[in-house]
Each structure stands twice: as C-alpha cells, then as structure tokens.
Amino acid sequence: MPLSAAAAAELTRQFKVCVEDLQKVKEAAREADAKALGSVGFGGREVMRVLDKLAKLPVTGEILKDTGVGNEVNDRFVRLHDDTLVRERSKELVHIWKARVQADKVAAKKAEVEAEEERVAAEEEAAAEAARAAAAEAAEAARVAEEKAADAARRERAEAAEAARVAEAEAADVARRECAEDAGSSARPDDTASPAASAEEAGGSPAEGAASSPGSPTKRKAEDGGESAEKKSKADGGTNEELAALFKELSAFEFKNKQKWEGRAYQKVADVLSQQPEKITSGSEAKKLQDIGKESAKKIDQFLETGKIDRLEKYRRGEFD
C-alpha cells in the first residue's frame, strides 16, 4: 500500500538518522585507527544497533535513493567488519533492499503498462463513442432526407393530380363549348336554301317542286355544291383553337393514364397553338414553334389530313395502356 506523504517524510527522517549514526561510528573508527588504537572490531555493538533498527523499518526504492542508506550499509567498514553478526546483517539488509528495489521497478513497470492499457482503452472507447455518434447522426440525416424525399414525392403527385384535374376540366369545358356551338348551328334555319325549296315548302307549283325533286338538275347542282363546300372545309383543316382544344384533351387523358411527362408536353403544345395568331397548316410549320416536337407535329398533320388524332380517339374509347 503506498505511503502517505507524511508517513514517507517520517520514514525518510528515520533512515537519515540511521545513516548519521553509521557515519559517526565510522568516523570514530578512523580516529581510533589514527591513534594506533586499532579499528578492527571497533563499534560492533553500535553498528548492530543501527542495523537492527534499519531492519525493522519499511523501505521503498525511493527512500533508499534519497537517503543513500544502501551505500552506508554496504560500505567496506560494515560489510567487512570483524564482527560476524555485523557482516551477516549487512549482507542480509543489502539483499532485502535490492529485492525491494527490483520489486518496486516491476510494480512501476506494471503500473505503467496498466496506465497505458487504460489510456488505450479510453481512446478506443472514445473512438467507439464518436463512431456511434457519427452513425446516429448519419441515420438521422438519412431519416430527414427520406422524409424530405417522401414529402417532395407527395407534393409532386399532388401537383400532377391537380394539373391533370385542371387539364381535364379545361378539356371538358372546350368539349362542352364545341357541342353547344354545334347544337346552335344545327338549330339555325338554312339561309342558303334554294328558291325552289322555299317555294315547295310554301306550297308552290309542281314545276317548282319538280325543279327541287331528287332527280332534277337543280337538286344535283345543289348537292354537288354542298359536297364541294364540305371537301373544301376538310381540306382547309381545323383552326388553331380546335387543335389546341384537342391537345388539351389529350393532355388530360395522359395525366389520367399517369403519363405526366406526356401530359405536360401536350399541355405546352396546346398553350403554344392557342397563342399562335397565324393559322397552322402543317406539322412541319408547327414544329418550328417552341415546345412542339416531332411527335406533336405528326399528330397535327394527322388531324389536318383526317380530322382526328388516333391516340386521342383511342383514349376516348377507353383504351388505356
């Protein structure tokens, strides 16, 4: 068990007193030798008293180093003293003290190794804690990013659904307006009816009725004129507004079919066509405009040539991919 500071100081003092006592005996022996009294066996009793006292004191390597007691006990005067008991006790103390010093060195080395192991363990624990904190931080960042991505996906789906709803509503409005216009045109009287037909409706003469009969030249001429007008209208193609309405309707169907990119593309085509002041007469002409690509140009040509768009007709029949 390590000594307290006060205990170590008291023990050091006692060792220093013993060292002083041994030095006094050696000095007296040198004086006796100088007086030709002979120093052999001198002070054996006093030396034994000091050695016995030292043997009873606990010792540490630090005290031995600070007091120099080991050098005094192993001095020639003590080590080779004429008194056998002095020599044996001196040898015994030196042996015990050397073992103590070696034990202290081993203990110090062990303590140093243990301290190093504790330091390494503490560093490893700190590194592990840092790794756990980093992993937790990364997991939290991933969770936040995932939530943001989910929110963005939900917003995008909501925006697409809203755009599809708006496009479908606009297409439905256009279709309703066209139906209303067609109904109004059918309800108006034919201002271009022939005089013969008017006379017949008013109860005119058989000659006038014959002129308007199915086989009469006048009737055939009227029919030929009407057919020519219909062909001319078809050849002229639809207006830009009609094309825009068809592409809006197609856009709404694409959104409904979860084809959001096509839906947006056709919506842009409808916007461009509705704002174009000059009548579009071909797909190649329309392709020169911004946001109208190759496939949209083909559909414009198809409508101008046939009066319909196959993809739109398929959607109208309920045929979705």
C-alpha atoms as a PDB file:
ATOM      1  CA  MET A   1       0.000   0.000   0.000  1.00  0.00           C
ATOM      2  CA  PRO A   2       1.526   3.383  -0.951  1.00  0.00           C
ATOM      3  CA  LEU A   3       2.661   5.568   1.964  1.00  0.00           C
ATOM      4  CA  SER A   4       1.076   8.917   2.594  1.00  0.00           C
ATOM      5  CA  ALA A   5       3.229  11.976   2.152  1.00  0.00           C
ATOM      6  CA  ALA A   6       3.561  12.457   5.939  1.00  0.00           C
ATOM      7  CA  ALA A   7       4.446   8.793   6.547  1.00  0.00           C
ATOM      8  CA  ALA A   8       7.044   8.854   3.767  1.00  0.00           C
ATOM      9  CA  ALA A   9       8.594  12.001   5.202  1.00  0.00           C
ATOM     10  CA  GLU A  10       8.838  10.480   8.732  1.00  0.00           C
ATOM     11  CA  LEU A  11      10.326   7.259   7.393  1.00  0.00           C
ATOM     12  CA  THR A  12      12.899   9.195   5.387  1.00  0.00           C
ATOM     13  CA  ARG A  13      13.874  11.109   8.534  1.00  0.00           C
ATOM     14  CA  GLN A  14      14.449   7.885  10.480  1.00  0.00           C
ATOM     15  CA  PHE A  15      16.603   6.430   7.706  1.00  0.00           C
ATOM     16  CA  LYS A  16      18.683   9.598   7.636  1.00  0.00           C
ATOM     17  CA  VAL A  17      19.223   9.341  11.427  1.00  0.00           C
ATOM     18  CA  CYS A  18      20.481   5.775  10.987  1.00  0.00           C
ATOM     19  CA  VAL A  19      22.809   6.930   8.201  1.00  0.00           C
ATOM     20  CA  GLU A  20      24.195   9.638  10.506  1.00  0.00           C
ATOM     21  CA  ASP A  21      24.719   7.080  13.298  1.00  0.00           C
ATOM     22  CA  LEU A  22      26.655   4.755  10.967  1.00  0.00           C
ATOM     23  CA  GLN A  23      28.778   7.659   9.772  1.00  0.00           C
ATOM     24  CA  LYS A  24      29.578   8.593  13.386  1.00  0.00           C
ATOM     25  CA  VAL A  25      30.726   5.043  14.153  1.00  0.00           C
ATOM     26  CA  LYS A  26      32.912   5.001  11.022  1.00  0.00           C
ATOM     27  CA  GLU A  27      34.420   8.391  11.971  1.00  0.00           C
ATOM     28  CA  ALA A  28      35.205   7.151  15.474  1.00  0.00           C
ATOM     29  CA  ALA A  29      36.833   4.049  13.985  1.00  0.00           C
ATOM     30  CA  ARG A  30      39.025   6.188  11.725  1.00  0.00           C
ATOM     31  CA  GLU A  31      40.110   8.309  14.734  1.00  0.00           C
ATOM     32  CA  ALA A  32      40.961   5.180  16.732  1.00  0.00           C
ATOM     33  CA  ASP A  33      42.973   3.858  13.828  1.00  0.00           C
ATOM     34  CA  ALA A  34      44.771   7.160  13.568  1.00  0.00           C
ATOM     35  CA  LYS A  35      45.737   6.904  17.227  1.00  0.00           C
ATOM     36  CA  ALA A  36      47.060   3.406  16.631  1.00  0.00           C
ATOM     37  CA  LEU A  37      44.366   2.010  18.809  1.00  0.00           C
ATOM     38  CA  GLY A  38      43.203  -0.272  16.029  1.00  0.00           C
ATOM     39  CA  SER A  39      39.800  -0.203  14.393  1.00  0.00           C
ATOM     40  CA  VAL A  40      39.293  -3.930  13.954  1.00  0.00           C
ATOM     41  CA  GLY A  41      36.071  -4.861  15.667  1.00  0.00           C
ATOM     42  CA  PHE A  42      35.507  -1.235  16.661  1.00  0.00           C
ATOM     43  CA  GLY A  43      31.914  -0.224  17.264  1.00  0.00           C
ATOM     44  CA  GLY A  44      30.422  -3.616  16.514  1.00  0.00           C
ATOM     45  CA  ARG A  45      27.729  -3.155  19.124  1.00  0.00           C
ATOM     46  CA  GLU A  46      26.743   0.319  17.849  1.00  0.00           C
ATOM     47  CA  VAL A  47      26.661  -0.852  14.197  1.00  0.00           C
ATOM     48  CA  MET A  48      24.456  -3.829  15.116  1.00  0.00           C
ATOM     49  CA  ARG A  49      22.077  -1.496  16.932  1.00  0.00           C
ATOM     50  CA  VAL A  50      21.717   0.663  13.800  1.00  0.00           C
ATOM     51  CA  LEU A  51      21.350  -2.366  11.507  1.00  0.00           C
ATOM     52  CA  ASP A  52      18.664  -3.881  13.723  1.00  0.00           C
ATOM     53  CA  LYS A  53      16.753  -0.598  13.634  1.00  0.00           C
ATOM     54  CA  LEU A  54      17.014  -0.421   9.845  1.00  0.00           C
ATOM     55  CA  ALA A  55      15.782  -3.999   9.513  1.00  0.00           C
ATOM     56  CA  LYS A  56      12.569  -3.055  11.339  1.00  0.00           C
ATOM     57  CA  LEU A  57      11.776  -0.051   9.115  1.00  0.00           C
ATOM     58  CA  PRO A  58       9.703  -0.431   5.944  1.00  0.00           C
ATOM     59  CA  VAL A  59      11.654   0.623   2.908  1.00  0.00           C
ATOM     60  CA  THR A  60      10.997   1.799  -0.650  1.00  0.00           C
ATOM     61  CA  GLY A  61      13.299   2.281  -3.581  1.00  0.00           C
ATOM     62  CA  GLU A  62      12.630   6.000  -3.436  1.00  0.00           C
ATOM     63  CA  ILE A  63      13.777   6.209   0.234  1.00  0.00           C
ATOM     64  CA  LEU A  64      16.901   4.172  -0.465  1.00  0.00           C
ATOM     65  CA  LYS A  65      17.723   6.560  -3.301  1.00  0.00           C
ATOM     66  CA  ASP A  66      17.012   9.730  -1.305  1.00  0.00           C
ATOM     67  CA  THR A  67      18.896   8.754   1.878  1.00  0.00           C
ATOM     68  CA  GLY A  68      21.843   6.790   0.433  1.00  0.00           C
ATOM     69  CA  VAL A  69      21.458   4.243   3.267  1.00  0.00           C
ATOM     70  CA  GLY A  70      22.292   1.397   0.931  1.00  0.00           C
ATOM     71  CA  ASN A  71      25.769   2.772   0.300  1.00  0.00           C
ATOM     72  CA  GLU A  72      26.388   3.156   4.048  1.00  0.00           C
ATOM     73  CA  VAL A  73      25.286  -0.401   4.913  1.00  0.00           C
ATOM     74  CA  ASN A  74      27.287  -1.820   2.011  1.00  0.00           C
ATOM     75  CA  ASP A  75      30.342   0.255   2.963  1.00  0.00           C
ATOM     76  CA  ARG A  76      33.632  -1.633   3.482  1.00  0.00           C
ATOM     77  CA  PHE A  77      33.651  -0.738   7.171  1.00  0.00           C
ATOM     78  CA  VAL A  78      30.333  -2.504   7.717  1.00  0.00           C
ATOM     79  CA  ARG A  79      30.491  -5.190   5.016  1.00  0.00           C
ATOM     80  CA  LEU A  80      33.948  -6.409   6.156  1.00  0.00           C
ATOM     81  CA  HIS A  81      33.546  -5.735   9.894  1.00  0.00           C
ATOM     82  CA  ASP A  82      35.340  -8.036  12.265  1.00  0.00           C
ATOM     83  CA  ASP A  83      32.051  -8.885  13.934  1.00  0.00           C
ATOM     84  CA  THR A  84      30.415 -11.803  12.081  1.00  0.00           C
ATOM     85  CA  LEU A  85      26.940 -10.722  13.059  1.00  0.00           C
ATOM     86  CA  VAL A  86      27.559  -7.274  11.604  1.00  0.00           C
ATOM     87  CA  ARG A  87      28.740  -8.734   8.301  1.00  0.00           C
ATOM     88  CA  GLU A  88      25.786 -11.139   8.068  1.00  0.00           C
ATOM     89  CA  ARG A  89      23.223  -8.497   8.996  1.00  0.00           C
ATOM     90  CA  SER A  90      24.730  -6.050   6.471  1.00  0.00           C
ATOM     91  CA  LYS A  91      24.614  -8.687   3.726  1.00  0.00           C
ATOM     92  CA  GLU A  92      21.042  -9.600   4.642  1.00  0.00           C
ATOM     93  CA  LEU A  93      19.840  -5.988   4.533  1.00  0.00           C
ATOM     94  CA  VAL A  94      21.544  -5.320   1.203  1.00  0.00           C
ATOM     95  CA  HIS A  95      19.931  -8.447  -0.243  1.00  0.00           C
ATOM     96  CA  ILE A  96      16.479  -7.455   1.067  1.00  0.00           C
ATOM     97  CA  TRP A  97      16.826  -3.902  -0.180  1.00  0.00           C
ATOM     98  CA  LYS A  98      17.932  -4.993  -3.650  1.00  0.00           C
ATOM     99  CA  ALA A  99      14.874  -7.261  -3.846  1.00  0.00           C
ATOM    100  CA  ARG A 100      12.716  -4.315  -2.743  1.00  0.00           C
ATOM    101  CA  VAL A 101      14.187  -2.061  -5.419  1.00  0.00           C
ATOM    102  CA  GLN A 102      13.607  -4.750  -8.048  1.00  0.00           C
ATOM    103  CA  ALA A 103      10.043  -5.275  -6.822  1.00  0.00           C
ATOM    104  CA  ASP A 104       9.439  -1.540  -6.978  1.00  0.00           C
ATOM    105  CA  LYS A 105      10.727  -1.477 -10.544  1.00  0.00           C
ATOM    106  CA  VAL A 106       8.451  -4.350 -11.502  1.00  0.00           C
ATOM    107  CA  ALA A 107       5.499  -2.671  -9.795  1.00  0.00           C
ATOM    108  CA  ALA A 108       6.285   0.628 -11.502  1.00  0.00           C
ATOM    109  CA  LYS A 109       6.539  -1.103 -14.869  1.00  0.00           C
ATOM    110  CA  LYS A 110       3.270  -2.914 -14.224  1.00  0.00           C
ATOM    111  CA  ALA A 111       1.597   0.335 -13.226  1.00  0.00           C
ATOM    112  CA  GLU A 112       2.972   1.977 -16.366  1.00  0.00           C
ATOM    113  CA  VAL A 113       1.647  -0.859 -18.525  1.00  0.00           C
ATOM    114  CA  GLU A 114      -1.733  -0.722 -16.814  1.00  0.00           C
ATOM    115  CA  ALA A 115      -1.862   3.043 -17.249  1.00  0.00           C
ATOM    116  CA  GLU A 116      -1.043   2.654 -20.943  1.00  0.00           C
ATOM    117  CA  GLU A 117      -3.711  -0.025 -21.300  1.00  0.00           C
ATOM    118  CA  GLU A 118      -6.222   2.237 -19.580  1.00  0.00           C
ATOM    119  CA  ARG A 119      -5.225   5.102 -21.879  1.00  0.00           C
ATOM    120  CA  VAL A 120      -5.610   2.910 -24.977  1.00  0.00           C
ATOM    121  CA  ALA A 121      -8.931   1.561 -23.700  1.00  0.00           C
ATOM    122  CA  ALA A 122     -10.131   5.100 -23.033  1.00  0.00           C
ATOM    123  CA  GLU A 123      -9.088   6.177 -26.528  1.00  0.00           C
ATOM    124  CA  GLU A 124     -10.811   3.151 -28.067  1.00  0.00           C
ATOM    125  CA  GLU A 125     -13.957   3.856 -26.071  1.00  0.00           C
ATOM    126  CA  ALA A 126     -13.841   7.496 -27.151  1.00  0.00           C
ATOM    127  CA  ALA A 127     -13.407   6.407 -30.779  1.00  0.00           C
ATOM    128  CA  ALA A 128     -16.278   3.939 -30.440  1.00  0.00           C
ATOM    129  CA  GLU A 129     -18.450   6.630 -28.895  1.00  0.00           C
ATOM    130  CA  ALA A 130     -17.546   9.010 -31.710  1.00  0.00           C
ATOM    131  CA  ALA A 131     -18.376   6.292 -34.243  1.00  0.00           C
ATOM    132  CA  ARG A 132     -21.724   5.659 -32.545  1.00  0.00           C
ATOM    133  CA  ALA A 133     -22.458   9.376 -32.529  1.00  0.00           C
ATOM    134  CA  ALA A 134     -21.489   9.652 -36.210  1.00  0.00           C
ATOM    135  CA  ALA A 135     -23.662   6.636 -37.077  1.00  0.00           C
ATOM    136  CA  ALA A 136     -26.584   8.109 -35.163  1.00  0.00           C
ATOM    137  CA  GLU A 137     -26.067  11.447 -36.895  1.00  0.00           C
ATOM    138  CA  ALA A 138     -25.893   9.752 -40.299  1.00  0.00           C
ATOM    139  CA  ALA A 139     -29.039   7.762 -39.531  1.00  0.00           C
ATOM    140  CA  GLU A 140     -30.840  10.925 -38.501  1.00  0.00           C
ATOM    141  CA  ALA A 141     -29.655  12.709 -41.647  1.00  0.00           C
ATOM    142  CA  ALA A 142     -30.836   9.758 -43.759  1.00  0.00           C
ATOM    143  CA  ARG A 143     -34.201   9.789 -41.979  1.00  0.00           C
ATOM    144  CA  VAL A 144     -34.616  13.527 -42.577  1.00  0.00           C
ATOM    145  CA  ALA A 145     -33.577  13.147 -46.223  1.00  0.00           C
ATOM    146  CA  GLU A 146     -36.028  10.267 -46.657  1.00  0.00           C
ATOM    147  CA  GLU A 147     -38.821  12.326 -45.132  1.00  0.00           C
ATOM    148  CA  LYS A 148     -37.968  15.256 -47.401  1.00  0.00           C
ATOM    149  CA  ALA A 149     -37.935  12.967 -50.442  1.00  0.00           C
ATOM    150  CA  ALA A 150     -41.279  11.486 -49.413  1.00  0.00           C
ATOM    151  CA  ASP A 151     -42.723  14.967 -48.923  1.00  0.00           C
ATOM    152  CA  ALA A 152     -41.385  16.054 -52.314  1.00  0.00           C
ATOM    153  CA  ALA A 153     -42.871  12.949 -53.939  1.00  0.00           C
ATOM    154  CA  ARG A 154     -46.224  13.618 -52.294  1.00  0.00           C
ATOM    155  CA  ARG A 155     -46.156  17.239 -53.444  1.00  0.00           C
ATOM    156  CA  GLU A 156     -45.218  16.193 -56.963  1.00  0.00           C
ATOM    157  CA  ARG A 157     -48.046  13.654 -57.085  1.00  0.00           C
ATOM    158  CA  ALA A 158     -50.471  16.250 -55.735  1.00  0.00           C
ATOM    159  CA  GLU A 159     -49.300  18.818 -58.302  1.00  0.00           C
ATOM    160  CA  ALA A 160     -49.578  16.255 -61.107  1.00  0.00           C
ATOM    161  CA  ALA A 161     -53.058  15.265 -59.969  1.00  0.00           C
ATOM    162  CA  GLU A 162     -54.088  18.906 -59.763  1.00  0.00           C
ATOM    163  CA  ALA A 163     -52.620  19.640 -63.207  1.00  0.00           C
ATOM    164  CA  ALA A 164     -54.446  16.609 -64.612  1.00  0.00           C
ATOM    165  CA  ARG A 165     -57.670  17.728 -62.990  1.00  0.00           C
ATOM    166  CA  VAL A 166     -57.297  21.257 -64.354  1.00  0.00           C
ATOM    167  CA  ALA A 167     -56.400  19.978 -67.836  1.00  0.00           C
ATOM    168  CA  GLU A 168     -59.304  17.541 -67.815  1.00  0.00           C
ATOM    169  CA  ALA A 169     -61.678  20.268 -66.665  1.00  0.00           C
ATOM    170  CA  GLU A 170     -60.427  22.620 -69.377  1.00  0.00           C
ATOM    171  CA  ALA A 171     -60.755  19.895 -71.998  1.00  0.00           C
ATOM    172  CA  ALA A 172     -64.271  19.151 -70.791  1.00  0.00           C
ATOM    173  CA  ASP A 173     -65.144  22.845 -70.979  1.00  0.00           C
ATOM    174  CA  VAL A 174     -63.797  23.041 -74.527  1.00  0.00           C
ATOM    175  CA  ALA A 175     -65.778  19.960 -75.500  1.00  0.00           C
ATOM    176  CA  ARG A 176     -68.942  21.386 -73.956  1.00  0.00           C
ATOM    177  CA  ARG A 177     -68.482  24.692 -75.791  1.00  0.00           C
ATOM    178  CA  GLU A 178     -67.949  22.883 -79.089  1.00  0.00           C
ATOM    179  CA  CYS A 179     -71.062  20.758 -78.509  1.00  0.00           C
ATOM    180  CA  ALA A 180     -73.049  23.893 -77.690  1.00  0.00           C
ATOM    181  CA  GLU A 181     -71.795  25.611 -80.831  1.00  0.00           C
ATOM    182  CA  ASP A 182     -72.634  22.561 -82.958  1.00  0.00           C
ATOM    183  CA  ALA A 183     -76.098  22.413 -81.424  1.00  0.00           C
ATOM    184  CA  GLY A 184     -76.641  26.101 -82.104  1.00  0.00           C
ATOM    185  CA  SER A 185     -75.559  25.718 -85.727  1.00  0.00           C
ATOM    186  CA  SER A 186     -77.982  22.819 -86.258  1.00  0.00           C
ATOM    187  CA  ALA A 187     -80.879  24.767 -84.745  1.00  0.00           C
ATOM    188  CA  ARG A 188     -80.453  27.823 -87.054  1.00  0.00           C
ATOM    189  CA  PRO A 189     -82.535  27.858 -90.334  1.00  0.00           C
ATOM    190  CA  ASP A 190     -80.657  27.302 -93.606  1.00  0.00           C
ATOM    191  CA  ASP A 191     -80.307  30.769 -95.080  1.00  0.00           C
ATOM    192  CA  THR A 192     -78.801  29.355 -98.254  1.00  0.00           C
ATOM    193  CA  ALA A 193     -81.834  27.232 -99.221  1.00  0.00           C
ATOM    194  CA  SER A 194     -82.755  27.430-102.941  1.00  0.00           C
ATOM    195  CA  PRO A 195     -85.810  29.426-104.073  1.00  0.00           C
ATOM    196  CA  ALA A 196     -87.319  26.202-105.374  1.00  0.00           C
ATOM    197  CA  ALA A 197     -87.088  24.570-101.951  1.00  0.00           C
ATOM    198  CA  SER A 198     -88.674  27.651-100.361  1.00  0.00           C
ATOM    199  CA  ALA A 199     -91.456  27.636-102.848  1.00  0.00           C
ATOM    200  CA  GLU A 200     -92.091  23.947-102.305  1.00  0.00           C
ATOM    201  CA  GLU A 201     -92.282  24.440 -98.539  1.00  0.00           C
ATOM    202  CA  ALA A 202     -94.735  27.296 -99.146  1.00  0.00           C
ATOM    203  CA  GLY A 203     -96.961  25.093-101.377  1.00  0.00           C
ATOM    204  CA  GLY A 204     -95.605  26.270-104.751  1.00  0.00           C
ATOM    205  CA  SER A 205     -96.315  24.952-108.218  1.00  0.00           C
ATOM    206  CA  PRO A 206     -95.490  21.385-109.343  1.00  0.00           C
ATOM    207  CA  ALA A 207     -92.961  22.844-111.727  1.00  0.00           C
ATOM    208  CA  GLU A 208     -91.191  24.477-108.868  1.00  0.00           C
ATOM    209  CA  GLY A 209     -91.493  21.194-106.932  1.00  0.00           C
ATOM    210  CA  ALA A 210     -90.107  19.285-109.878  1.00  0.00           C
ATOM    211  CA  ALA A 211     -87.198  21.604-110.028  1.00  0.00           C
ATOM    212  CA  SER A 212     -86.333  20.628-106.487  1.00  0.00           C
ATOM    213  CA  SER A 213     -87.018  16.918-106.855  1.00  0.00           C
ATOM    214  CA  PRO A 214     -84.137  14.475-106.177  1.00  0.00           C
ATOM    215  CA  GLY A 215     -83.530  13.829-109.853  1.00  0.00           C
ATOM    216  CA  SER A 216     -83.692  17.385-111.033  1.00  0.00           C
ATOM    217  CA  PRO A 217     -80.613  19.141-112.324  1.00  0.00           C
ATOM    218  CA  THR A 218     -81.133  21.913-109.803  1.00  0.00           C
ATOM    219  CA  LYS A 219     -81.076  19.465-106.864  1.00  0.00           C
ATOM    220  CA  ARG A 220     -77.977  17.687-108.162  1.00  0.00           C
ATOM    221  CA  LYS A 221     -76.250  21.006-108.583  1.00  0.00           C
ATOM    222  CA  ALA A 222     -77.095  21.991-105.004  1.00  0.00           C
ATOM    223  CA  GLU A 223     -75.807  18.652-103.681  1.00  0.00           C
ATOM    224  CA  ASP A 224     -72.620  18.950-105.726  1.00  0.00           C
ATOM    225  CA  GLY A 225     -72.113  22.440-104.358  1.00  0.00           C
ATOM    226  CA  GLY A 226     -72.625  21.242-100.745  1.00  0.00           C
ATOM    227  CA  GLU A 227     -70.205  18.342-101.200  1.00  0.00           C
ATOM    228  CA  SER A 228     -67.591  20.682-102.664  1.00  0.00           C
ATOM    229  CA  ALA A 229     -68.006  23.015 -99.693  1.00  0.00           C
ATOM    230  CA  GLU A 230     -67.548  20.073 -97.262  1.00  0.00           C
ATOM    231  CA  LYS A 231     -64.382  18.912 -99.032  1.00  0.00           C
ATOM    232  CA  LYS A 232     -63.067  22.456 -99.020  1.00  0.00           C
ATOM    233  CA  SER A 233     -63.733  22.760 -95.269  1.00  0.00           C
ATOM    234  CA  LYS A 234     -61.915  19.472 -94.610  1.00  0.00           C
ATOM    235  CA  ALA A 235     -59.021  20.474 -96.840  1.00  0.00           C
ATOM    236  CA  ASP A 236     -58.705  23.776 -95.011  1.00  0.00           C
ATOM    237  CA  GLY A 237     -58.202  21.869 -91.744  1.00  0.00           C
ATOM    238  CA  GLY A 238     -59.217  22.955 -88.258  1.00  0.00           C
ATOM    239  CA  THR A 239     -58.377  26.227 -86.617  1.00  0.00           C
ATOM    240  CA  ASN A 240     -55.558  26.693 -84.120  1.00  0.00           C
ATOM    241  CA  GLU A 241     -58.165  26.803 -81.354  1.00  0.00           C
ATOM    242  CA  GLU A 242     -59.520  23.408 -82.407  1.00  0.00           C
ATOM    243  CA  LEU A 243     -56.017  21.923 -82.397  1.00  0.00           C
ATOM    244  CA  ALA A 244     -55.311  23.487 -79.003  1.00  0.00           C
ATOM    245  CA  ALA A 245     -58.537  22.022 -77.587  1.00  0.00           C
ATOM    246  CA  LEU A 246     -57.647  18.551 -78.890  1.00  0.00           C
ATOM    247  CA  PHE A 247     -54.157  18.695 -77.363  1.00  0.00           C
ATOM    248  CA  LYS A 248     -55.608  19.890 -74.040  1.00  0.00           C
ATOM    249  CA  GLU A 249     -57.974  16.935 -74.054  1.00  0.00           C
ATOM    250  CA  LEU A 250     -55.091  14.621 -74.951  1.00  0.00           C
ATOM    251  CA  SER A 251     -53.033  16.111 -72.110  1.00  0.00           C
ATOM    252  CA  ALA A 252     -55.836  15.392 -69.647  1.00  0.00           C
ATOM    253  CA  PHE A 253     -56.029  11.774 -70.799  1.00  0.00           C
ATOM    254  CA  GLU A 254     -52.247  11.407 -70.430  1.00  0.00           C
ATOM    255  CA  PHE A 255     -52.365  12.679 -66.854  1.00  0.00           C
ATOM    256  CA  LYS A 256     -55.252  10.292 -66.176  1.00  0.00           C
ATOM    257  CA  ASN A 257     -53.106   7.477 -67.607  1.00  0.00           C
ATOM    258  CA  LYS A 258     -50.288   8.518 -65.199  1.00  0.00           C
ATOM    259  CA  GLN A 259     -48.113   9.706 -68.112  1.00  0.00           C
ATOM    260  CA  LYS A 260     -47.210  13.038 -66.514  1.00  0.00           C
ATOM    261  CA  TRP A 261     -44.382  13.954 -68.923  1.00  0.00           C
ATOM    262  CA  GLU A 262     -46.568  13.440 -71.992  1.00  0.00           C
ATOM    263  CA  GLY A 263     -49.389  15.308 -70.256  1.00  0.00           C
ATOM    264  CA  ARG A 264     -47.166  18.318 -69.609  1.00  0.00           C
ATOM    265  CA  ALA A 265     -45.767  18.221 -73.143  1.00  0.00           C
ATOM    266  CA  TYR A 266     -49.218  18.201 -74.772  1.00  0.00           C
ATOM    267  CA  GLN A 267     -50.375  20.969 -72.418  1.00  0.00           C
ATOM    268  CA  LYS A 268     -47.470  23.127 -73.625  1.00  0.00           C
ATOM    269  CA  VAL A 269     -48.378  22.350 -77.259  1.00  0.00           C
ATOM    270  CA  ALA A 270     -51.974  23.411 -76.557  1.00  0.00           C
ATOM    271  CA  ASP A 271     -50.772  26.666 -74.993  1.00  0.00           C
ATOM    272  CA  VAL A 272     -48.494  27.448 -77.945  1.00  0.00           C
ATOM    273  CA  LEU A 273     -51.206  26.685 -80.536  1.00  0.00           C
ATOM    274  CA  SER A 274     -53.822  28.785 -78.746  1.00  0.00           C
ATOM    275  CA  GLN A 275     -51.486  31.797 -78.739  1.00  0.00           C
ATOM    276  CA  GLN A 276     -50.401  31.463 -82.383  1.00  0.00           C
ATOM    277  CA  PRO A 277     -52.047  34.256 -84.473  1.00  0.00           C
ATOM    278  CA  GLU A 278     -51.377  32.644 -87.861  1.00  0.00           C
ATOM    279  CA  LYS A 279     -53.252  29.501 -88.789  1.00  0.00           C
ATOM    280  CA  ILE A 280     -51.131  26.346 -88.684  1.00  0.00           C
ATOM    281  CA  THR A 281     -51.316  24.482 -91.979  1.00  0.00           C
ATOM    282  CA  SER A 282     -48.831  21.629 -91.405  1.00  0.00           C
ATOM    283  CA  GLY A 283     -46.905  19.782 -88.763  1.00  0.00           C
ATOM    284  CA  SER A 284     -43.571  20.929 -90.155  1.00  0.00           C
ATOM    285  CA  GLU A 285     -44.723  24.531 -89.786  1.00  0.00           C
ATOM    286  CA  ALA A 286     -45.835  23.887 -86.204  1.00  0.00           C
ATOM    287  CA  LYS A 287     -42.533  22.136 -85.394  1.00  0.00           C
ATOM    288  CA  LYS A 288     -40.736  25.449 -85.859  1.00  0.00           C
ATOM    289  CA  LEU A 289     -42.534  26.790 -82.800  1.00  0.00           C
ATOM    290  CA  GLN A 290     -41.164  26.380 -79.273  1.00  0.00           C
ATOM    291  CA  ASP A 291     -42.311  23.296 -77.265  1.00  0.00           C
ATOM    292  CA  ILE A 292     -43.673  21.475 -80.348  1.00  0.00           C
ATOM    293  CA  GLY A 293     -41.677  18.372 -81.157  1.00  0.00           C
ATOM    294  CA  LYS A 294     -41.629  15.665 -83.787  1.00  0.00           C
ATOM    295  CA  GLU A 295     -44.449  13.518 -82.329  1.00  0.00           C
ATOM    296  CA  SER A 296     -46.753  16.504 -81.794  1.00  0.00           C
ATOM    297  CA  ALA A 297     -46.075  17.651 -85.378  1.00  0.00           C
ATOM    298  CA  LYS A 298     -47.105  14.202 -86.638  1.00  0.00           C
ATOM    299  CA  LYS A 299     -50.380  14.428 -84.710  1.00  0.00           C
ATOM    300  CA  ILE A 300     -51.047  17.896 -86.168  1.00  0.00           C
ATOM    301  CA  ASP A 301     -50.526  16.531 -89.702  1.00  0.00           C
ATOM    302  CA  GLN A 302     -52.804  13.600 -88.863  1.00  0.00           C
ATOM    303  CA  PHE A 303     -55.591  15.919 -87.747  1.00  0.00           C
ATOM    304  CA  LEU A 304     -55.203  18.233 -90.739  1.00  0.00           C
ATOM    305  CA  GLU A 305     -55.385  15.248 -93.097  1.00  0.00           C
ATOM    306  CA  THR A 306     -58.051  13.076 -91.410  1.00  0.00           C
ATOM    307  CA  GLY A 307     -59.830  15.365 -88.976  1.00  0.00           C
ATOM    308  CA  LYS A 308     -58.837  13.276 -85.951  1.00  0.00           C
ATOM    309  CA  ILE A 309     -55.886  12.139 -83.817  1.00  0.00           C
ATOM    310  CA  ASP A 310     -55.625   8.364 -83.429  1.00  0.00           C
ATOM    311  CA  ARG A 311     -54.172   8.449 -79.888  1.00  0.00           C
ATOM    312  CA  LEU A 312     -56.932  10.734 -78.706  1.00  0.00           C
ATOM    313  CA  GLU A 313     -59.600   8.582 -80.339  1.00  0.00           C
ATOM    314  CA  LYS A 314     -58.178   5.522 -78.579  1.00  0.00           C
ATOM    315  CA  TYR A 315     -58.375   7.283 -75.214  1.00  0.00           C
ATOM    316  CA  ARG A 316     -61.937   8.392 -75.947  1.00  0.00           C
ATOM    317  CA  ARG A 317     -62.858   4.753 -76.499  1.00  0.00           C
ATOM    318  CA  GLY A 318     -61.413   3.952 -73.043  1.00  0.00           C
ATOM    319  CA  GLU A 319     -58.365   2.095 -74.375  1.00  0.00           C
ATOM    320  CA  PHE A 320     -55.565   2.968 -71.933  1.00  0.00           C
ATOM    321  CA  ASP A 321     -52.118   1.377 -71.988  1.00  0.00           C
END
